[in-house]
Amino acid sequence: LIIFSVALVFVLNACAPQRTVLEQVLAMGELHVLTRNGGTTYFEGPQGPAGLEYELMRRFAEKLGVKLRISLPDNLNDVLEQISEGDAHIAAAGLTVTEQRKQRVRFAPAYQTITQQVVYNVKNDKPRNIKQLDGSFEVVAHSSHTERLNRLKEKHATLEWTENAEADSTELLTLVAEDLIEYTVADSNEVAYNRRYYPKLRVAFDITSPQELAWAFPISD
């Protein structure tokens, strides 16, 4: 009888409907979001937290009537890794929608369109095409930029670059502005934002057609 009762409880629990992520968020009273520190995502401004991603997250949490909890993983790969493992509800980090990333996360509808741009310092010669990128060239490791460069290398075997696992796009743009490296790749919205502070930055050319940015969720039912 005891064994039967335990088995019955197990069956009933297994058959009980599971709460959706939205129901879990409402029950917890908290929306946990992963993001990155940057001018187009999230940063501490004079009046407090700011940035496009922050404003979208804040308004969404207000719409749901819950508290917003923000986490800042160390790097872009950690953002993707943590959201794919379900360590947070949403990743709102200026993420480009790519086929490779779709294998790891589920994307929401896009909220912005960008292009990937090669950036250089105005004091140096402007590279006209991929073949002329023969100086110090760094990009963010595990980024959509490296995905694109790997595809370009299939046609341009001499193309070389360094993946920086420590710096984000803003930091690499700063290195270009200070003439410490010659080139980097950044999203067009990040380039436009940072050129207000680093007027020596120039766009050489785009290396993609327009791409979408979107929030990411764990892949689940």
C-alpha atoms as a PDB file:
ATOM      1  CA  LEU A   1       0.000   0.000   0.000  1.00  0.00           C
ATOM      2  CA  ILE A   2       2.826   2.401   0.884  1.00  0.00           C
ATOM      3  CA  ILE A   3       4.633   1.615  -2.361  1.00  0.00           C
ATOM      4  CA  PHE A   4       1.395   2.120  -4.295  1.00  0.00           C
ATOM      5  CA  SER A   5       0.763   5.479  -2.572  1.00  0.00           C
ATOM      6  CA  VAL A   6       4.270   6.718  -3.338  1.00  0.00           C
ATOM      7  CA  ALA A   7       3.919   5.612  -6.937  1.00  0.00           C
ATOM      8  CA  LEU A   8       0.557   7.368  -7.219  1.00  0.00           C
ATOM      9  CA  VAL A   9       1.998  10.637  -5.900  1.00  0.00           C
ATOM     10  CA  PHE A  10       4.870  10.361  -8.387  1.00  0.00           C
ATOM     11  CA  VAL A  11       2.459   9.822 -11.295  1.00  0.00           C
ATOM     12  CA  LEU A  12       0.238  12.722 -10.238  1.00  0.00           C
ATOM     13  CA  ASN A  13       3.240  15.048  -9.926  1.00  0.00           C
ATOM     14  CA  ALA A  14       4.535  13.952 -13.321  1.00  0.00           C
ATOM     15  CA  CYS A  15       1.130  14.628 -14.886  1.00  0.00           C
ATOM     16  CA  ALA A  16       0.753  18.055 -13.252  1.00  0.00           C
ATOM     17  CA  PRO A  17       1.220  20.899 -15.740  1.00  0.00           C
ATOM     18  CA  GLN A  18       4.648  22.528 -15.507  1.00  0.00           C
ATOM     19  CA  ARG A  19       4.767  26.279 -15.034  1.00  0.00           C
ATOM     20  CA  THR A  20       5.952  28.274 -18.000  1.00  0.00           C
ATOM     21  CA  VAL A  21       8.943  30.576 -17.652  1.00  0.00           C
ATOM     22  CA  LEU A  22       6.575  33.558 -17.566  1.00  0.00           C
ATOM     23  CA  GLU A  23       4.597  31.959 -14.737  1.00  0.00           C
ATOM     24  CA  GLN A  24       7.850  31.305 -12.886  1.00  0.00           C
ATOM     25  CA  VAL A  25       8.931  34.938 -13.302  1.00  0.00           C
ATOM     26  CA  LEU A  26       5.584  36.202 -12.008  1.00  0.00           C
ATOM     27  CA  ALA A  27       5.662  33.778  -9.075  1.00  0.00           C
ATOM     28  CA  MET A  28       9.217  34.831  -8.155  1.00  0.00           C
ATOM     29  CA  GLY A  29       8.477  38.506  -8.663  1.00  0.00           C
ATOM     30  CA  GLU A  30      11.815  38.846 -10.427  1.00  0.00           C
ATOM     31  CA  LEU A  31      13.128  38.950 -14.000  1.00  0.00           C
ATOM     32  CA  HIS A  32      16.762  37.826 -14.203  1.00  0.00           C
ATOM     33  CA  VAL A  33      18.572  39.257 -17.233  1.00  0.00           C
ATOM     34  CA  LEU A  34      22.132  38.855 -18.507  1.00  0.00           C
ATOM     35  CA  THR A  35      23.710  41.795 -20.306  1.00  0.00           C
ATOM     36  CA  ARG A  36      27.061  43.403 -21.124  1.00  0.00           C
ATOM     37  CA  ASN A  37      28.609  46.630 -19.942  1.00  0.00           C
ATOM     38  CA  GLY A  38      28.610  49.057 -22.881  1.00  0.00           C
ATOM     39  CA  GLY A  39      27.157  52.254 -24.272  1.00  0.00           C
ATOM     40  CA  THR A  40      24.566  50.459 -26.396  1.00  0.00           C
ATOM     41  CA  THR A  41      23.636  47.885 -23.752  1.00  0.00           C
ATOM     42  CA  TYR A  42      24.022  48.795 -20.053  1.00  0.00           C
ATOM     43  CA  PHE A  43      26.196  51.238 -18.135  1.00  0.00           C
ATOM     44  CA  GLU A  44      26.178  53.372 -15.001  1.00  0.00           C
ATOM     45  CA  GLY A  45      25.479  56.941 -16.064  1.00  0.00           C
ATOM     46  CA  PRO A  46      25.340  60.169 -14.009  1.00  0.00           C
ATOM     47  CA  GLN A  47      21.667  59.538 -13.233  1.00  0.00           C
ATOM     48  CA  GLY A  48      22.034  55.789 -12.653  1.00  0.00           C
ATOM     49  CA  PRO A  49      21.741  52.751 -14.940  1.00  0.00           C
ATOM     50  CA  ALA A  50      21.308  53.563 -18.644  1.00  0.00           C
ATOM     51  CA  GLY A  51      21.668  52.080 -22.128  1.00  0.00           C
ATOM     52  CA  LEU A  52      19.226  50.800 -24.741  1.00  0.00           C
ATOM     53  CA  GLU A  53      19.160  47.228 -23.448  1.00  0.00           C
ATOM     54  CA  TYR A  54      18.688  48.469 -19.895  1.00  0.00           C
ATOM     55  CA  GLU A  55      15.738  50.654 -20.896  1.00  0.00           C
ATOM     56  CA  LEU A  56      14.083  47.777 -22.738  1.00  0.00           C
ATOM     57  CA  MET A  57      14.680  45.404 -19.794  1.00  0.00           C
ATOM     58  CA  ARG A  58      13.437  47.938 -17.248  1.00  0.00           C
ATOM     59  CA  ARG A  59      10.234  48.652 -19.139  1.00  0.00           C
ATOM     60  CA  PHE A  60       9.562  44.962 -19.717  1.00  0.00           C
ATOM     61  CA  ALA A  61       9.985  44.215 -16.005  1.00  0.00           C
ATOM     62  CA  GLU A  62       7.660  47.119 -15.169  1.00  0.00           C
ATOM     63  CA  LYS A  63       5.100  45.774 -17.647  1.00  0.00           C
ATOM     64  CA  LEU A  64       5.213  42.401 -15.892  1.00  0.00           C
ATOM     65  CA  GLY A  65       5.092  44.040 -12.478  1.00  0.00           C
ATOM     66  CA  VAL A  66       8.293  42.369 -11.268  1.00  0.00           C
ATOM     67  CA  LYS A  67      11.728  43.433 -10.054  1.00  0.00           C
ATOM     68  CA  LEU A  68      14.609  43.524 -12.534  1.00  0.00           C
ATOM     69  CA  ARG A  69      17.799  41.674 -11.580  1.00  0.00           C
ATOM     70  CA  ILE A  70      20.798  42.275 -13.832  1.00  0.00           C
ATOM     71  CA  SER A  71      23.914  40.107 -14.083  1.00  0.00           C
ATOM     72  CA  LEU A  72      27.084  41.045 -15.986  1.00  0.00           C
ATOM     73  CA  PRO A  73      29.034  37.917 -17.035  1.00  0.00           C
ATOM     74  CA  ASP A  74      32.752  38.363 -17.619  1.00  0.00           C
ATOM     75  CA  ASN A  75      32.597  38.088 -21.409  1.00  0.00           C
ATOM     76  CA  LEU A  76      30.349  37.432 -24.384  1.00  0.00           C
ATOM     77  CA  ASN A  77      30.922  33.691 -24.370  1.00  0.00           C
ATOM     78  CA  ASP A  78      29.841  33.536 -20.719  1.00  0.00           C
ATOM     79  CA  VAL A  79      26.621  35.364 -21.641  1.00  0.00           C
ATOM     80  CA  LEU A  80      25.797  32.756 -24.291  1.00  0.00           C
ATOM     81  CA  GLU A  81      26.893  29.862 -22.097  1.00  0.00           C
ATOM     82  CA  GLN A  82      24.862  30.958 -19.083  1.00  0.00           C
ATOM     83  CA  ILE A  83      21.661  31.669 -21.008  1.00  0.00           C
ATOM     84  CA  SER A  84      21.918  28.393 -22.922  1.00  0.00           C
ATOM     85  CA  GLU A  85      22.138  26.567 -19.583  1.00  0.00           C
ATOM     86  CA  GLY A  86      19.116  28.417 -18.207  1.00  0.00           C
ATOM     87  CA  ASP A  87      21.016  30.391 -15.559  1.00  0.00           C
ATOM     88  CA  ALA A  88      18.859  33.454 -16.312  1.00  0.00           C
ATOM     89  CA  HIS A  89      15.535  34.205 -17.981  1.00  0.00           C
ATOM     90  CA  ILE A  90      16.805  36.439 -20.801  1.00  0.00           C
ATOM     91  CA  ALA A  91      20.088  37.544 -22.357  1.00  0.00           C
ATOM     92  CA  ALA A  92      19.768  41.147 -23.534  1.00  0.00           C
ATOM     93  CA  ALA A  93      23.285  41.939 -24.622  1.00  0.00           C
ATOM     94  CA  GLY A  94      23.254  43.314 -28.156  1.00  0.00           C
ATOM     95  CA  LEU A  95      23.309  39.770 -29.544  1.00  0.00           C
ATOM     96  CA  THR A  96      23.410  39.306 -33.302  1.00  0.00           C
ATOM     97  CA  VAL A  97      21.121  36.570 -34.607  1.00  0.00           C
ATOM     98  CA  THR A  98      23.265  33.969 -36.401  1.00  0.00           C
ATOM     99  CA  GLU A  99      22.624  30.410 -37.528  1.00  0.00           C
ATOM    100  CA  GLN A 100      25.447  29.181 -35.321  1.00  0.00           C
ATOM    101  CA  ARG A 101      23.953  30.802 -32.233  1.00  0.00           C
ATOM    102  CA  LYS A 102      20.516  29.403 -33.031  1.00  0.00           C
ATOM    103  CA  GLN A 103      21.971  26.008 -32.168  1.00  0.00           C
ATOM    104  CA  ARG A 104      22.546  27.250 -28.587  1.00  0.00           C
ATOM    105  CA  VAL A 105      19.730  29.691 -27.810  1.00  0.00           C
ATOM    106  CA  ARG A 106      16.242  30.706 -28.902  1.00  0.00           C
ATOM    107  CA  PHE A 107      15.935  34.271 -30.206  1.00  0.00           C
ATOM    108  CA  ALA A 108      13.038  36.653 -29.722  1.00  0.00           C
ATOM    109  CA  PRO A 109      11.837  38.917 -32.544  1.00  0.00           C
ATOM    110  CA  ALA A 110      14.535  41.383 -33.587  1.00  0.00           C
ATOM    111  CA  TYR A 111      14.464  44.924 -32.222  1.00  0.00           C
ATOM    112  CA  GLN A 112      17.306  46.512 -34.239  1.00  0.00           C
ATOM    113  CA  THR A 113      19.303  46.031 -37.453  1.00  0.00           C
ATOM    114  CA  ILE A 114      23.059  46.589 -37.727  1.00  0.00           C
ATOM    115  CA  THR A 115      26.015  45.794 -39.965  1.00  0.00           C
ATOM    116  CA  GLN A 116      29.481  44.628 -38.974  1.00  0.00           C
ATOM    117  CA  GLN A 117      32.094  47.265 -39.795  1.00  0.00           C
ATOM    118  CA  VAL A 118      35.876  47.278 -40.023  1.00  0.00           C
ATOM    119  CA  VAL A 119      37.159  50.259 -38.028  1.00  0.00           C
ATOM    120  CA  TYR A 120      40.536  52.026 -38.253  1.00  0.00           C
ATOM    121  CA  ASN A 121      42.242  55.191 -36.963  1.00  0.00           C
ATOM    122  CA  VAL A 122      42.007  58.243 -39.219  1.00  0.00           C
ATOM    123  CA  LYS A 123      45.772  58.864 -38.922  1.00  0.00           C
ATOM    124  CA  ASN A 124      46.393  55.594 -40.787  1.00  0.00           C
ATOM    125  CA  ASP A 125      45.667  54.661 -44.395  1.00  0.00           C
ATOM    126  CA  LYS A 126      42.133  53.508 -45.023  1.00  0.00           C
ATOM    127  CA  PRO A 127      41.933  49.817 -46.008  1.00  0.00           C
ATOM    128  CA  ARG A 128      39.757  49.421 -49.082  1.00  0.00           C
ATOM    129  CA  ASN A 129      39.066  45.699 -48.862  1.00  0.00           C
ATOM    130  CA  ILE A 130      39.789  42.496 -46.925  1.00  0.00           C
ATOM    131  CA  LYS A 131      43.136  41.979 -48.659  1.00  0.00           C
ATOM    132  CA  GLN A 132      44.482  45.220 -47.192  1.00  0.00           C
ATOM    133  CA  LEU A 133      43.903  44.202 -43.557  1.00  0.00           C
ATOM    134  CA  ASP A 134      47.533  43.266 -42.979  1.00  0.00           C
ATOM    135  CA  GLY A 135      48.232  45.055 -39.670  1.00  0.00           C
ATOM    136  CA  SER A 136      47.354  44.317 -36.040  1.00  0.00           C
ATOM    137  CA  PHE A 137      43.726  43.191 -36.133  1.00  0.00           C
ATOM    138  CA  GLU A 138      41.795  42.178 -32.996  1.00  0.00           C
ATOM    139  CA  VAL A 139      38.158  41.168 -32.497  1.00  0.00           C
ATOM    140  CA  VAL A 140      36.091  39.951 -29.564  1.00  0.00           C
ATOM    141  CA  ALA A 141      36.465  36.207 -29.029  1.00  0.00           C
ATOM    142  CA  HIS A 142      33.367  34.015 -29.573  1.00  0.00           C
ATOM    143  CA  SER A 143      31.558  36.913 -31.240  1.00  0.00           C
ATOM    144  CA  SER A 144      29.466  37.092 -34.396  1.00  0.00           C
ATOM    145  CA  HIS A 145      32.432  39.020 -35.816  1.00  0.00           C
ATOM    146  CA  THR A 146      34.675  35.951 -35.568  1.00  0.00           C
ATOM    147  CA  GLU A 147      31.957  33.849 -37.202  1.00  0.00           C
ATOM    148  CA  ARG A 148      31.902  36.256 -40.139  1.00  0.00           C
ATOM    149  CA  LEU A 149      35.698  36.455 -40.410  1.00  0.00           C
ATOM    150  CA  ASN A 150      35.959  32.670 -40.451  1.00  0.00           C
ATOM    151  CA  ARG A 151      33.604  32.587 -43.432  1.00  0.00           C
ATOM    152  CA  LEU A 152      35.567  35.329 -45.185  1.00  0.00           C
ATOM    153  CA  LYS A 153      38.805  33.423 -44.624  1.00  0.00           C
ATOM    154  CA  GLU A 154      37.435  30.617 -46.789  1.00  0.00           C
ATOM    155  CA  LYS A 155      37.782  33.014 -49.746  1.00  0.00           C
ATOM    156  CA  HIS A 156      40.713  35.070 -48.443  1.00  0.00           C
ATOM    157  CA  ALA A 157      43.276  32.622 -47.091  1.00  0.00           C
ATOM    158  CA  THR A 158      45.728  35.363 -46.061  1.00  0.00           C
ATOM    159  CA  LEU A 159      43.222  37.023 -43.724  1.00  0.00           C
ATOM    160  CA  GLU A 160      44.514  36.901 -40.134  1.00  0.00           C
ATOM    161  CA  TRP A 161      43.241  38.310 -36.846  1.00  0.00           C
ATOM    162  CA  THR A 162      43.541  37.821 -33.089  1.00  0.00           C
ATOM    163  CA  GLU A 163      40.595  36.858 -30.897  1.00  0.00           C
ATOM    164  CA  ASN A 164      40.655  38.814 -27.649  1.00  0.00           C
ATOM    165  CA  ALA A 165      38.878  36.976 -24.816  1.00  0.00           C
ATOM    166  CA  GLU A 166      39.480  39.748 -22.288  1.00  0.00           C
ATOM    167  CA  ALA A 167      38.244  42.878 -24.085  1.00  0.00           C
ATOM    168  CA  ASP A 168      34.786  43.860 -25.304  1.00  0.00           C
ATOM    169  CA  SER A 169      33.973  45.870 -28.439  1.00  0.00           C
ATOM    170  CA  THR A 170      34.210  49.231 -26.682  1.00  0.00           C
ATOM    171  CA  GLU A 171      37.659  48.404 -25.332  1.00  0.00           C
ATOM    172  CA  LEU A 172      38.893  47.305 -28.750  1.00  0.00           C
ATOM    173  CA  LEU A 173      37.512  50.479 -30.325  1.00  0.00           C
ATOM    174  CA  THR A 174      39.420  52.419 -27.679  1.00  0.00           C
ATOM    175  CA  LEU A 175      42.621  50.602 -28.637  1.00  0.00           C
ATOM    176  CA  VAL A 176      42.081  51.590 -32.267  1.00  0.00           C
ATOM    177  CA  ALA A 177      41.378  55.196 -31.272  1.00  0.00           C
ATOM    178  CA  GLU A 178      44.620  55.262 -29.282  1.00  0.00           C
ATOM    179  CA  ASP A 179      46.473  53.676 -32.217  1.00  0.00           C
ATOM    180  CA  LEU A 180      47.488  50.632 -30.155  1.00  0.00           C
ATOM    181  CA  ILE A 181      45.980  48.270 -32.726  1.00  0.00           C
ATOM    182  CA  GLU A 182      45.194  49.045 -36.352  1.00  0.00           C
ATOM    183  CA  TYR A 183      41.811  47.413 -36.902  1.00  0.00           C
ATOM    184  CA  THR A 184      38.840  45.877 -35.204  1.00  0.00           C
ATOM    185  CA  VAL A 185      35.305  44.876 -36.177  1.00  0.00           C
ATOM    186  CA  ALA A 186      32.301  46.297 -34.342  1.00  0.00           C
ATOM    187  CA  ASP A 187      28.564  46.543 -34.878  1.00  0.00           C
ATOM    188  CA  SER A 188      27.487  49.747 -36.602  1.00  0.00           C
ATOM    189  CA  ASN A 189      25.428  50.939 -33.609  1.00  0.00           C
ATOM    190  CA  GLU A 190      28.465  50.556 -31.323  1.00  0.00           C
ATOM    191  CA  VAL A 191      30.673  52.381 -33.814  1.00  0.00           C
ATOM    192  CA  ALA A 192      28.225  55.277 -34.079  1.00  0.00           C
ATOM    193  CA  TYR A 193      27.980  55.544 -30.286  1.00  0.00           C
ATOM    194  CA  ASN A 194      31.722  55.417 -29.636  1.00  0.00           C
ATOM    195  CA  ARG A 195      32.667  57.867 -32.383  1.00  0.00           C
ATOM    196  CA  ARG A 196      31.114  60.598 -30.232  1.00  0.00           C
ATOM    197  CA  TYR A 197      33.898  60.005 -27.730  1.00  0.00           C
ATOM    198  CA  TYR A 198      36.637  58.896 -30.121  1.00  0.00           C
ATOM    199  CA  PRO A 199      36.502  61.145 -33.202  1.00  0.00           C
ATOM    200  CA  LYS A 200      39.593  59.492 -34.694  1.00  0.00           C
ATOM    201  CA  LEU A 201      37.619  56.296 -35.370  1.00  0.00           C
ATOM    202  CA  ARG A 202      36.660  55.741 -38.997  1.00  0.00           C
ATOM    203  CA  VAL A 203      34.677  53.048 -40.807  1.00  0.00           C
ATOM    204  CA  ALA A 204      36.607  51.350 -43.593  1.00  0.00           C
ATOM    205  CA  PHE A 205      33.833  49.122 -44.961  1.00  0.00           C
ATOM    206  CA  ASP A 206      31.040  46.754 -43.968  1.00  0.00           C
ATOM    207  CA  ILE A 207      31.725  43.022 -43.921  1.00  0.00           C
ATOM    208  CA  THR A 208      28.067  41.945 -43.691  1.00  0.00           C
ATOM    209  CA  SER A 209      24.701  42.825 -45.063  1.00  0.00           C
ATOM    210  CA  PRO A 210      22.188  44.071 -42.434  1.00  0.00           C
ATOM    211  CA  GLN A 211      21.860  41.712 -39.457  1.00  0.00           C
ATOM    212  CA  GLU A 212      19.326  41.546 -36.649  1.00  0.00           C
ATOM    213  CA  LEU A 213      19.850  42.041 -32.920  1.00  0.00           C
ATOM    214  CA  ALA A 214      17.540  40.205 -30.518  1.00  0.00           C
ATOM    215  CA  TRP A 215      17.106  38.937 -26.977  1.00  0.00           C
ATOM    216  CA  ALA A 216      18.049  35.302 -26.359  1.00  0.00           C
ATOM    217  CA  PHE A 217      16.352  32.628 -24.266  1.00  0.00           C
ATOM    218  CA  PRO A 218      17.293  29.083 -23.295  1.00  0.00           C
ATOM    219  CA  ILE A 219      16.107  26.440 -25.743  1.00  0.00           C
ATOM    220  CA  SER A 220      13.242  24.690 -23.956  1.00  0.00           C
ATOM    221  CA  ASP A 221       9.592  23.748 -24.238  1.00  0.00           C
END
